[in-house]
Amino acid sequence: MTPMPRFPLPPDPVVEAYKAGIDRSLLRDNLRLSPTERVVRLQQAVRAIRALQQSRGSPPARHG
């Protein structure tokens, strides 16, 4: 791991712009979960999206 610089660099405006649009509390909450719990939540989200797509008559998204 690289040690922190003795004198911190000034904030990068691009990074600061991205940080403004991210709810870090959601990230923290997700990182408190075990990997298995994260996968279960992901599967639940995928099922919910598929159910919404089916209710709209949209074809399921295909990847890969």
C-alpha atoms as a PDB file:
ATOM      1  CA  MET A   1       0.000   0.000   0.000  1.00  0.00           C
ATOM      2  CA  THR A   2       1.296   3.447  -0.906  1.00  0.00           C
ATOM      3  CA  PRO A   3       1.834   5.702   2.113  1.00  0.00           C
ATOM      4  CA  MET A   4      -0.208   8.898   2.304  1.00  0.00           C
ATOM      5  CA  PRO A   5       1.679  11.970   1.131  1.00  0.00           C
ATOM      6  CA  ARG A   6       2.972  14.145   3.899  1.00  0.00           C
ATOM      7  CA  PHE A   7       1.268  17.151   2.314  1.00  0.00           C
ATOM      8  CA  PRO A   8      -2.135  16.228   0.838  1.00  0.00           C
ATOM      9  CA  LEU A   9      -2.787  17.116  -2.769  1.00  0.00           C
ATOM     10  CA  PRO A  10      -5.483  19.674  -3.558  1.00  0.00           C
ATOM     11  CA  PRO A  11      -8.905  18.177  -4.332  1.00  0.00           C
ATOM     12  CA  ASP A  12      -9.405  17.085  -7.928  1.00  0.00           C
ATOM     13  CA  PRO A  13     -12.448  18.952  -9.341  1.00  0.00           C
ATOM     14  CA  VAL A  14     -13.545  15.910 -11.389  1.00  0.00           C
ATOM     15  CA  VAL A  15     -13.490  13.622  -8.346  1.00  0.00           C
ATOM     16  CA  GLU A  16     -15.323  16.236  -6.291  1.00  0.00           C
ATOM     17  CA  ALA A  17     -18.023  16.514  -8.994  1.00  0.00           C
ATOM     18  CA  TYR A  18     -18.585  12.738  -8.928  1.00  0.00           C
ATOM     19  CA  LYS A  19     -18.668  12.642  -5.123  1.00  0.00           C
ATOM     20  CA  ALA A  20     -21.474  15.209  -5.084  1.00  0.00           C
ATOM     21  CA  GLY A  21     -23.795  12.765  -6.866  1.00  0.00           C
ATOM     22  CA  ILE A  22     -23.037   9.678  -4.766  1.00  0.00           C
ATOM     23  CA  ASP A  23     -24.914   8.713  -1.623  1.00  0.00           C
ATOM     24  CA  ARG A  24     -22.013   7.338   0.388  1.00  0.00           C
ATOM     25  CA  SER A  25     -24.324   6.158   3.170  1.00  0.00           C
ATOM     26  CA  LEU A  26     -25.704   3.557   0.734  1.00  0.00           C
ATOM     27  CA  LEU A  27     -22.169   2.418  -0.061  1.00  0.00           C
ATOM     28  CA  ARG A  28     -21.330   2.123   3.638  1.00  0.00           C
ATOM     29  CA  ASP A  29     -24.531   0.183   4.335  1.00  0.00           C
ATOM     30  CA  ASN A  30     -23.782  -2.215   1.482  1.00  0.00           C
ATOM     31  CA  LEU A  31     -20.196  -2.754   2.642  1.00  0.00           C
ATOM     32  CA  ARG A  32     -21.478  -3.773   6.089  1.00  0.00           C
ATOM     33  CA  LEU A  33     -23.177  -6.764   4.457  1.00  0.00           C
ATOM     34  CA  SER A  34     -21.416 -10.046   3.860  1.00  0.00           C
ATOM     35  CA  PRO A  35     -20.644 -10.964   0.236  1.00  0.00           C
ATOM     36  CA  THR A  36     -23.468 -13.516   0.370  1.00  0.00           C
ATOM     37  CA  GLU A  37     -25.933 -10.899   1.602  1.00  0.00           C
ATOM     38  CA  ARG A  38     -24.855  -8.568  -1.222  1.00  0.00           C
ATOM     39  CA  VAL A  39     -25.473 -11.291  -3.809  1.00  0.00           C
ATOM     40  CA  VAL A  40     -28.917 -11.983  -2.323  1.00  0.00           C
ATOM     41  CA  ARG A  41     -29.797  -8.277  -2.579  1.00  0.00           C
ATOM     42  CA  LEU A  42     -28.532  -8.161  -6.157  1.00  0.00           C
ATOM     43  CA  GLN A  43     -30.651 -11.189  -7.066  1.00  0.00           C
ATOM     44  CA  GLN A  44     -33.702  -9.564  -5.473  1.00  0.00           C
ATOM     45  CA  ALA A  45     -33.097  -6.389  -7.477  1.00  0.00           C
ATOM     46  CA  VAL A  46     -32.726  -8.350 -10.723  1.00  0.00           C
ATOM     47  CA  ARG A  47     -35.993 -10.201 -10.034  1.00  0.00           C
ATOM     48  CA  ALA A  48     -37.762  -6.901  -9.344  1.00  0.00           C
ATOM     49  CA  ILE A  49     -36.442  -5.378 -12.583  1.00  0.00           C
ATOM     50  CA  ARG A  50     -37.524  -8.427 -14.575  1.00  0.00           C
ATOM     51  CA  ALA A  51     -40.994  -8.278 -13.011  1.00  0.00           C
ATOM     52  CA  LEU A  52     -41.272  -4.593 -13.976  1.00  0.00           C
ATOM     53  CA  GLN A  53     -40.129  -5.350 -17.512  1.00  0.00           C
ATOM     54  CA  GLN A  54     -42.686  -8.147 -17.834  1.00  0.00           C
ATOM     55  CA  SER A  55     -45.468  -5.924 -16.503  1.00  0.00           C
ATOM     56  CA  ARG A  56     -44.606  -3.334 -19.185  1.00  0.00           C
ATOM     57  CA  GLY A  57     -44.282  -5.938 -21.888  1.00  0.00           C
ATOM     58  CA  SER A  58     -40.612  -5.069 -22.377  1.00  0.00           C
ATOM     59  CA  PRO A  59     -38.269  -7.862 -23.431  1.00  0.00           C
ATOM     60  CA  PRO A  60     -35.696  -8.784 -20.772  1.00  0.00           C
ATOM     61  CA  ALA A  61     -32.295  -7.157 -21.176  1.00  0.00           C
ATOM     62  CA  ARG A  62     -29.685  -9.438 -22.687  1.00  0.00           C
ATOM     63  CA  HIS A  63     -25.975  -9.100 -21.944  1.00  0.00           C
ATOM     64  CA  GLY A  64     -22.978 -10.866 -23.170  1.00  0.00           C
END
